[in-house]
Amino acid sequence: MKEQKDLLLHIQEIDFALVELTLYLDTHPDDMEAIRQFNELAYESRMAKRNYEEHYGPLLQYGGSYSGYPWTWNNSPWPWQI
């Protein structure tokens, strides 16, 4: 359970940084370094989410995440319960 919590925290940290960079880039659209950081973090977020879902199940519902077999969405804890 600790590894699951740590990975989920890592995803949240990355996504927080992406939100902040998005806000910055809205007002500084020509900052190439910020765009580079954004793209690196976007990739890292995708990989971390893929890793989480492979080990612990889907993060999103309604088509936002793929499902393995058997259906695992109803297995708890859900990400927001951790």
PDB file of N, CA and C in Angstrom:
ATOM      1  N   MET A   1       0.822  -1.194   0.000  1.00  0.00           N
ATOM      2  CA  MET A   1       0.000   0.000   0.000  1.00  0.00           C
ATOM      3  C   MET A   1       0.867   1.259   0.000  1.00  0.00           C
ATOM      4  N   LYS A   2       2.038   1.234   0.659  1.00  0.00           N
ATOM      5  CA  LYS A   2       2.916   2.405   0.675  1.00  0.00           C
ATOM      6  C   LYS A   2       3.398   2.744  -0.730  1.00  0.00           C
ATOM      7  N   GLU A   3       3.774   1.736  -1.507  1.00  0.00           N
ATOM      8  CA  GLU A   3       4.230   1.990  -2.877  1.00  0.00           C
ATOM      9  C   GLU A   3       3.109   2.605  -3.717  1.00  0.00           C
ATOM     10  N   GLN A   4       1.883   2.133  -3.521  1.00  0.00           N
ATOM     11  CA  GLN A   4       0.743   2.683  -4.254  1.00  0.00           C
ATOM     12  C   GLN A   4       0.537   4.153  -3.879  1.00  0.00           C
ATOM     13  N   LYS A   5       0.587   4.454  -2.588  1.00  0.00           N
ATOM     14  CA  LYS A   5       0.424   5.841  -2.138  1.00  0.00           C
ATOM     15  C   LYS A   5       1.544   6.730  -2.668  1.00  0.00           C
ATOM     16  N   ASP A   6       2.770   6.213  -2.639  1.00  0.00           N
ATOM     17  CA  ASP A   6       3.912   6.999  -3.124  1.00  0.00           C
ATOM     18  C   ASP A   6       3.781   7.309  -4.615  1.00  0.00           C
ATOM     19  N   LEU A   7       3.347   6.326  -5.388  1.00  0.00           N
ATOM     20  CA  LEU A   7       3.188   6.536  -6.827  1.00  0.00           C
ATOM     21  C   LEU A   7       2.059   7.526  -7.098  1.00  0.00           C
ATOM     22  N   LEU A   8       0.963   7.409  -6.371  1.00  0.00           N
ATOM     23  CA  LEU A   8      -0.142   8.342  -6.549  1.00  0.00           C
ATOM     24  C   LEU A   8       0.275   9.759  -6.167  1.00  0.00           C
ATOM     25  N   LEU A   9       1.056   9.907  -5.104  1.00  0.00           N
ATOM     26  CA  LEU A   9       1.561  11.223  -4.712  1.00  0.00           C
ATOM     27  C   LEU A   9       2.465  11.790  -5.802  1.00  0.00           C
ATOM     28  N   HIS A  10       3.307  10.955  -6.376  1.00  0.00           N
ATOM     29  CA  HIS A  10       4.195  11.385  -7.459  1.00  0.00           C
ATOM     30  C   HIS A  10       3.375  11.895  -8.651  1.00  0.00           C
ATOM     31  N   ILE A  11       2.317  11.190  -9.004  1.00  0.00           N
ATOM     32  CA  ILE A  11       1.437  11.613 -10.099  1.00  0.00           C
ATOM     33  C   ILE A  11       0.810  12.965  -9.775  1.00  0.00           C
ATOM     34  N   GLN A  12       0.357  13.125  -8.557  1.00  0.00           N
ATOM     35  CA  GLN A  12      -0.263  14.389  -8.153  1.00  0.00           C
ATOM     36  C   GLN A  12       0.739  15.539  -8.211  1.00  0.00           C
ATOM     37  N   GLU A  13       1.962  15.290  -7.815  1.00  0.00           N
ATOM     38  CA  GLU A  13       2.998  16.325  -7.864  1.00  0.00           C
ATOM     39  C   GLU A  13       3.284  16.749  -9.306  1.00  0.00           C
ATOM     40  N   ILE A  14       3.414  15.763 -10.177  1.00  0.00           N
ATOM     41  CA  ILE A  14       3.666  16.063 -11.589  1.00  0.00           C
ATOM     42  C   ILE A  14       2.507  16.859 -12.181  1.00  0.00           C
ATOM     43  N   ASP A  15       1.291  16.412 -11.918  1.00  0.00           N
ATOM     44  CA  ASP A  15       0.123  17.082 -12.485  1.00  0.00           C
ATOM     45  C   ASP A  15      -0.043  18.495 -11.926  1.00  0.00           C
ATOM     46  N   PHE A  16       0.325  18.710 -10.670  1.00  0.00           N
ATOM     47  CA  PHE A  16       0.299  20.058 -10.102  1.00  0.00           C
ATOM     48  C   PHE A  16       1.275  20.958 -10.857  1.00  0.00           C
ATOM     49  N   ALA A  17       2.474  20.450 -11.103  1.00  0.00           N
ATOM     50  CA  ALA A  17       3.466  21.229 -11.853  1.00  0.00           C
ATOM     51  C   ALA A  17       2.962  21.531 -13.261  1.00  0.00           C
ATOM     52  N   LEU A  18       2.259  20.589 -13.879  1.00  0.00           N
ATOM     53  CA  LEU A  18       1.691  20.819 -15.210  1.00  0.00           C
ATOM     54  C   LEU A  18       0.635  21.924 -15.190  1.00  0.00           C
ATOM     55  N   VAL A  19      -0.185  21.957 -14.148  1.00  0.00           N
ATOM     56  CA  VAL A  19      -1.178  23.026 -14.023  1.00  0.00           C
ATOM     57  C   VAL A  19      -0.474  24.374 -13.903  1.00  0.00           C
ATOM     58  N   GLU A  20       0.550  24.444 -13.066  1.00  0.00           N
ATOM     59  CA  GLU A  20       1.289  25.692 -12.884  1.00  0.00           C
ATOM     60  C   GLU A  20       1.973  26.140 -14.177  1.00  0.00           C
ATOM     61  N   LEU A  21       2.583  25.199 -14.878  1.00  0.00           N
ATOM     62  CA  LEU A  21       3.225  25.537 -16.146  1.00  0.00           C
ATOM     63  C   LEU A  21       2.203  25.984 -17.189  1.00  0.00           C
ATOM     64  N   THR A  22       1.033  25.372 -17.183  1.00  0.00           N
ATOM     65  CA  THR A  22      -0.021  25.786 -18.105  1.00  0.00           C
ATOM     66  C   THR A  22      -0.408  27.242 -17.858  1.00  0.00           C
ATOM     67  N   LEU A  23      -0.595  27.593 -16.599  1.00  0.00           N
ATOM     68  CA  LEU A  23      -0.949  28.976 -16.265  1.00  0.00           C
ATOM     69  C   LEU A  23       0.162  29.940 -16.676  1.00  0.00           C
ATOM     70  N   TYR A  24       1.408  29.547 -16.423  1.00  0.00           N
ATOM     71  CA  TYR A  24       2.541  30.384 -16.813  1.00  0.00           C
ATOM     72  C   TYR A  24       2.594  30.550 -18.333  1.00  0.00           C
ATOM     73  N   LEU A  25       2.443  29.450 -19.042  1.00  0.00           N
ATOM     74  CA  LEU A  25       2.535  29.505 -20.503  1.00  0.00           C
ATOM     75  C   LEU A  25       1.376  30.270 -21.136  1.00  0.00           C
ATOM     76  N   ASP A  26       0.250  30.365 -20.437  1.00  0.00           N
ATOM     77  CA  ASP A  26      -0.848  31.181 -20.943  1.00  0.00           C
ATOM     78  C   ASP A  26      -0.427  32.646 -21.069  1.00  0.00           C
ATOM     79  N   THR A  27       0.488  33.081 -20.214  1.00  0.00           N
ATOM     80  CA  THR A  27       0.935  34.478 -20.247  1.00  0.00           C
ATOM     81  C   THR A  27       2.342  34.638 -20.824  1.00  0.00           C
ATOM     82  N   HIS A  28       3.044  33.528 -21.026  1.00  0.00           N
ATOM     83  CA  HIS A  28       4.408  33.551 -21.582  1.00  0.00           C
ATOM     84  C   HIS A  28       4.534  32.478 -22.667  1.00  0.00           C
ATOM     85  N   PRO A  29       3.764  32.590 -23.738  1.00  0.00           N
ATOM     86  CA  PRO A  29       3.699  31.511 -24.732  1.00  0.00           C
ATOM     87  C   PRO A  29       4.986  31.289 -25.519  1.00  0.00           C
ATOM     88  N   ASP A  30       5.935  32.205 -25.435  1.00  0.00           N
ATOM     89  CA  ASP A  30       7.184  32.061 -26.185  1.00  0.00           C
ATOM     90  C   ASP A  30       8.344  31.562 -25.338  1.00  0.00           C
ATOM     91  N   ASP A  31       8.083  31.133 -24.117  1.00  0.00           N
ATOM     92  CA  ASP A  31       9.150  30.655 -23.232  1.00  0.00           C
ATOM     93  C   ASP A  31       9.482  29.203 -23.595  1.00  0.00           C
ATOM     94  N   MET A  32      10.511  29.037 -24.399  1.00  0.00           N
ATOM     95  CA  MET A  32      10.873  27.707 -24.895  1.00  0.00           C
ATOM     96  C   MET A  32      11.263  26.753 -23.768  1.00  0.00           C
ATOM     97  N   GLU A  33      11.937  27.240 -22.749  1.00  0.00           N
ATOM     98  CA  GLU A  33      12.338  26.385 -21.618  1.00  0.00           C
ATOM     99  C   GLU A  33      11.102  25.873 -20.867  1.00  0.00           C
ATOM    100  N   ALA A  34      10.127  26.736 -20.665  1.00  0.00           N
ATOM    101  CA  ALA A  34       8.898  26.306 -19.989  1.00  0.00           C
ATOM    102  C   ALA A  34       8.150  25.278 -20.833  1.00  0.00           C
ATOM    103  N   ILE A  35       8.141  25.458 -22.139  1.00  0.00           N
ATOM    104  CA  ILE A  35       7.496  24.491 -23.033  1.00  0.00           C
ATOM    105  C   ILE A  35       8.224  23.152 -22.964  1.00  0.00           C
ATOM    106  N   ARG A  36       9.547  23.198 -22.927  1.00  0.00           N
ATOM    107  CA  ARG A  36      10.331  21.957 -22.795  1.00  0.00           C
ATOM    108  C   ARG A  36       9.991  21.243 -21.488  1.00  0.00           C
ATOM    109  N   GLN A  37       9.943  22.007 -20.394  1.00  0.00           N
ATOM    110  CA  GLN A  37       9.596  21.420 -19.097  1.00  0.00           C
ATOM    111  C   GLN A  37       8.188  20.836 -19.123  1.00  0.00           C
ATOM    112  N   PHE A  38       7.267  21.567 -19.730  1.00  0.00           N
ATOM    113  CA  PHE A  38       5.891  21.087 -19.827  1.00  0.00           C
ATOM    114  C   PHE A  38       5.839  19.746 -20.560  1.00  0.00           C
ATOM    115  N   ASN A  39       6.515  19.676 -21.702  1.00  0.00           N
ATOM    116  CA  ASN A  39       6.489  18.436 -22.489  1.00  0.00           C
ATOM    117  C   ASN A  39       7.147  17.282 -21.748  1.00  0.00           C
ATOM    118  N   GLU A  40       8.223  17.540 -21.043  1.00  0.00           N
ATOM    119  CA  GLU A  40       8.874  16.487 -20.250  1.00  0.00           C
ATOM    120  C   GLU A  40       7.943  15.991 -19.148  1.00  0.00           C
ATOM    121  N   LEU A  41       7.296  16.919 -18.458  1.00  0.00           N
ATOM    122  CA  LEU A  41       6.390  16.525 -17.380  1.00  0.00           C
ATOM    123  C   LEU A  41       5.139  15.836 -17.918  1.00  0.00           C
ATOM    124  N   ALA A  42       4.652  16.258 -19.072  1.00  0.00           N
ATOM    125  CA  ALA A  42       3.494  15.594 -19.676  1.00  0.00           C
ATOM    126  C   ALA A  42       3.828  14.128 -19.975  1.00  0.00           C
ATOM    127  N   TYR A  43       5.022  13.900 -20.500  1.00  0.00           N
ATOM    128  CA  TYR A  43       5.455  12.528 -20.776  1.00  0.00           C
ATOM    129  C   TYR A  43       5.606  11.745 -19.467  1.00  0.00           C
ATOM    130  N   GLU A  44       6.237  12.360 -18.479  1.00  0.00           N
ATOM    131  CA  GLU A  44       6.433  11.693 -17.186  1.00  0.00           C
ATOM    132  C   GLU A  44       5.085  11.359 -16.540  1.00  0.00           C
ATOM    133  N   SER A  45       4.124  12.264 -16.663  1.00  0.00           N
ATOM    134  CA  SER A  45       2.787  12.017 -16.122  1.00  0.00           C
ATOM    135  C   SER A  45       2.142  10.815 -16.799  1.00  0.00           C
ATOM    136  N   ARG A  46       2.208  10.769 -18.121  1.00  0.00           N
ATOM    137  CA  ARG A  46       1.631   9.624 -18.854  1.00  0.00           C
ATOM    138  C   ARG A  46       2.266   8.309 -18.428  1.00  0.00           C
ATOM    139  N   MET A  47       3.593   8.303 -18.295  1.00  0.00           N
ATOM    140  CA  MET A  47       4.286   7.072 -17.924  1.00  0.00           C
ATOM    141  C   MET A  47       3.947   6.657 -16.494  1.00  0.00           C
ATOM    142  N   ALA A  48       3.882   7.618 -15.583  1.00  0.00           N
ATOM    143  CA  ALA A  48       3.557   7.308 -14.190  1.00  0.00           C
ATOM    144  C   ALA A  48       2.130   6.778 -14.072  1.00  0.00           C
ATOM    145  N   LYS A  49       1.213   7.367 -14.826  1.00  0.00           N
ATOM    146  CA  LYS A  49      -0.179   6.910 -14.800  1.00  0.00           C
ATOM    147  C   LYS A  49      -0.301   5.514 -15.411  1.00  0.00           C
ATOM    148  N   ARG A  50       0.421   5.280 -16.471  1.00  0.00           N
ATOM    149  CA  ARG A  50       0.415   3.946 -17.076  1.00  0.00           C
ATOM    150  C   ARG A  50       0.950   2.912 -16.079  1.00  0.00           C
ATOM    151  N   ASN A  51       2.044   3.252 -15.412  1.00  0.00           N
ATOM    152  CA  ASN A  51       2.630   2.364 -14.407  1.00  0.00           C
ATOM    153  C   ASN A  51       1.636   2.107 -13.276  1.00  0.00           C
ATOM    154  N   TYR A  52       0.982   3.159 -12.787  1.00  0.00           N
ATOM    155  CA  TYR A  52       0.004   2.996 -11.717  1.00  0.00           C
ATOM    156  C   TYR A  52      -1.109   2.051 -12.151  1.00  0.00           C
ATOM    157  N   GLU A  53      -1.664   2.286 -13.326  1.00  0.00           N
ATOM    158  CA  GLU A  53      -2.792   1.484 -13.784  1.00  0.00           C
ATOM    159  C   GLU A  53      -2.404   0.029 -14.033  1.00  0.00           C
ATOM    160  N   GLU A  54      -1.191  -0.208 -14.475  1.00  0.00           N
ATOM    161  CA  GLU A  54      -0.736  -1.590 -14.678  1.00  0.00           C
ATOM    162  C   GLU A  54      -0.647  -2.350 -13.356  1.00  0.00           C
ATOM    163  N   HIS A  55      -0.300  -1.644 -12.283  1.00  0.00           N
ATOM    164  CA  HIS A  55      -0.113  -2.307 -10.994  1.00  0.00           C
ATOM    165  C   HIS A  55      -1.331  -2.242 -10.075  1.00  0.00           C
ATOM    166  N   TYR A  56      -2.123  -1.166 -10.159  1.00  0.00           N
ATOM    167  CA  TYR A  56      -3.164  -0.950  -9.161  1.00  0.00           C
ATOM    168  C   TYR A  56      -4.563  -0.754  -9.732  1.00  0.00           C
ATOM    169  N   GLY A  57      -4.706  -0.651 -11.031  1.00  0.00           N
ATOM    170  CA  GLY A  57      -6.023  -0.484 -11.619  1.00  0.00           C
ATOM    171  C   GLY A  57      -6.231   0.917 -12.154  1.00  0.00           C
ATOM    172  N   PRO A  58      -7.407   1.158 -12.737  1.00  0.00           N
ATOM    173  CA  PRO A  58      -7.666   2.419 -13.429  1.00  0.00           C
ATOM    174  C   PRO A  58      -7.698   3.625 -12.496  1.00  0.00           C
ATOM    175  N   LEU A  59      -7.249   4.752 -13.024  1.00  0.00           N
ATOM    176  CA  LEU A  59      -7.320   6.030 -12.322  1.00  0.00           C
ATOM    177  C   LEU A  59      -8.593   6.790 -12.679  1.00  0.00           C
ATOM    178  N   LEU A  60      -9.105   6.582 -13.879  1.00  0.00           N
ATOM    179  CA  LEU A  60     -10.269   7.306 -14.376  1.00  0.00           C
ATOM    180  C   LEU A  60     -11.340   6.334 -14.842  1.00  0.00           C
ATOM    181  N   GLN A  61     -12.565   6.809 -14.908  1.00  0.00           N
ATOM    182  CA  GLN A  61     -13.671   5.982 -15.363  1.00  0.00           C
ATOM    183  C   GLN A  61     -14.276   6.597 -16.623  1.00  0.00           C
ATOM    184  N   TYR A  62     -15.250   5.941 -17.183  1.00  0.00           N
ATOM    185  CA  TYR A  62     -15.983   6.386 -18.367  1.00  0.00           C
ATOM    186  C   TYR A  62     -15.077   6.540 -19.575  1.00  0.00           C
ATOM    187  N   GLY A  63     -14.190   5.569 -19.740  1.00  0.00           N
ATOM    188  CA  GLY A  63     -13.327   5.549 -20.908  1.00  0.00           C
ATOM    189  C   GLY A  63     -12.029   6.309 -20.740  1.00  0.00           C
ATOM    190  N   GLY A  64     -11.802   6.916 -19.586  1.00  0.00           N
ATOM    191  CA  GLY A  64     -10.565   7.652 -19.352  1.00  0.00           C
ATOM    192  C   GLY A  64      -9.382   6.741 -19.110  1.00  0.00           C
ATOM    193  N   SER A  65      -9.639   5.505 -18.735  1.00  0.00           N
ATOM    194  CA  SER A  65      -8.600   4.503 -18.521  1.00  0.00           C
ATOM    195  C   SER A  65      -9.077   3.187 -19.116  1.00  0.00           C
ATOM    196  N   TYR A  66      -8.150   2.398 -19.588  1.00  0.00           N
ATOM    197  CA  TYR A  66      -8.491   1.067 -20.085  1.00  0.00           C
ATOM    198  C   TYR A  66      -8.709   0.139 -18.910  1.00  0.00           C
ATOM    199  N   SER A  67      -9.439  -0.918 -19.149  1.00  0.00           N
ATOM    200  CA  SER A  67      -9.685  -1.903 -18.108  1.00  0.00           C
ATOM    201  C   SER A  67      -9.017  -3.208 -18.472  1.00  0.00           C
ATOM    202  N   GLY A  68      -8.461  -3.830 -17.476  1.00  0.00           N
ATOM    203  CA  GLY A  68      -7.936  -5.171 -17.653  1.00  0.00           C
ATOM    204  C   GLY A  68      -9.058  -6.180 -17.464  1.00  0.00           C
ATOM    205  N   TYR A  69      -8.695  -7.430 -17.536  1.00  0.00           N
ATOM    206  CA  TYR A  69      -9.656  -8.494 -17.289  1.00  0.00           C
ATOM    207  C   TYR A  69      -9.244  -9.223 -16.032  1.00  0.00           C
ATOM    208  N   PRO A  70     -10.098  -9.443 -15.104  1.00  0.00           N
ATOM    209  CA  PRO A  70     -11.493  -9.041 -15.082  1.00  0.00           C
ATOM    210  C   PRO A  70     -11.645  -7.550 -14.789  1.00  0.00           C
ATOM    211  N   TRP A  71     -12.871  -7.065 -14.923  1.00  0.00           N
ATOM    212  CA  TRP A  71     -13.191  -5.661 -14.633  1.00  0.00           C
ATOM    213  C   TRP A  71     -12.712  -5.336 -13.222  1.00  0.00           C
ATOM    214  N   THR A  72     -11.920  -4.284 -13.079  1.00  0.00           N
ATOM    215  CA  THR A  72     -11.324  -3.993 -11.775  1.00  0.00           C
ATOM    216  C   THR A  72     -11.740  -2.653 -11.196  1.00  0.00           C
ATOM    217  N   TRP A  73     -12.583  -1.908 -11.900  1.00  0.00           N
ATOM    218  CA  TRP A  73     -12.930  -0.578 -11.409  1.00  0.00           C
ATOM    219  C   TRP A  73     -13.571  -0.633 -10.021  1.00  0.00           C
ATOM    220  N   ASN A  74     -14.313  -1.670  -9.732  1.00  0.00           N
ATOM    221  CA  ASN A  74     -15.004  -1.740  -8.452  1.00  0.00           C
ATOM    222  C   ASN A  74     -14.128  -2.257  -7.316  1.00  0.00           C
ATOM    223  N   ASN A  75     -12.857  -2.560  -7.599  1.00  0.00           N
ATOM    224  CA  ASN A  75     -11.937  -2.952  -6.539  1.00  0.00           C
ATOM    225  C   ASN A  75     -11.485  -1.711  -5.794  1.00  0.00           C
ATOM    226  N   SER A  76     -11.547  -1.746  -4.498  1.00  0.00           N
ATOM    227  CA  SER A  76     -11.085  -0.582  -3.742  1.00  0.00           C
ATOM    228  C   SER A  76      -9.688  -0.855  -3.212  1.00  0.00           C
ATOM    229  N   PRO A  77      -8.948   0.136  -2.787  1.00  0.00           N
ATOM    230  CA  PRO A  77      -9.398   1.528  -2.697  1.00  0.00           C
ATOM    231  C   PRO A  77      -9.266   2.221  -4.049  1.00  0.00           C
ATOM    232  N   TRP A  78     -10.181   3.154  -4.284  1.00  0.00           N
ATOM    233  CA  TRP A  78     -10.101   3.991  -5.463  1.00  0.00           C
ATOM    234  C   TRP A  78      -9.065   5.075  -5.220  1.00  0.00           C
ATOM    235  N   PRO A  79      -8.515   5.664  -6.270  1.00  0.00           N
ATOM    236  CA  PRO A  79      -7.442   6.646  -6.086  1.00  0.00           C
ATOM    237  C   PRO A  79      -7.778   7.753  -5.098  1.00  0.00           C
ATOM    238  N   TRP A  80      -9.022   8.222  -5.084  1.00  0.00           N
ATOM    239  CA  TRP A  80      -9.376   9.319  -4.182  1.00  0.00           C
ATOM    240  C   TRP A  80      -9.582   8.849  -2.741  1.00  0.00           C
ATOM    241  N   GLN A  81      -9.536   7.531  -2.494  1.00  0.00           N
ATOM    242  CA  GLN A  81      -9.664   7.011  -1.145  1.00  0.00           C
ATOM    243  C   GLN A  81      -8.315   6.797  -0.475  1.00  0.00           C
ATOM    244  N   ILE A  82      -7.263   6.970  -1.237  1.00  0.00           N
ATOM    245  CA  ILE A  82      -5.919   6.719  -0.687  1.00  0.00           C
ATOM    246  C   ILE A  82      -5.430   7.954   0.028  1.00  0.00           C
TER     247      ILE A  82
END
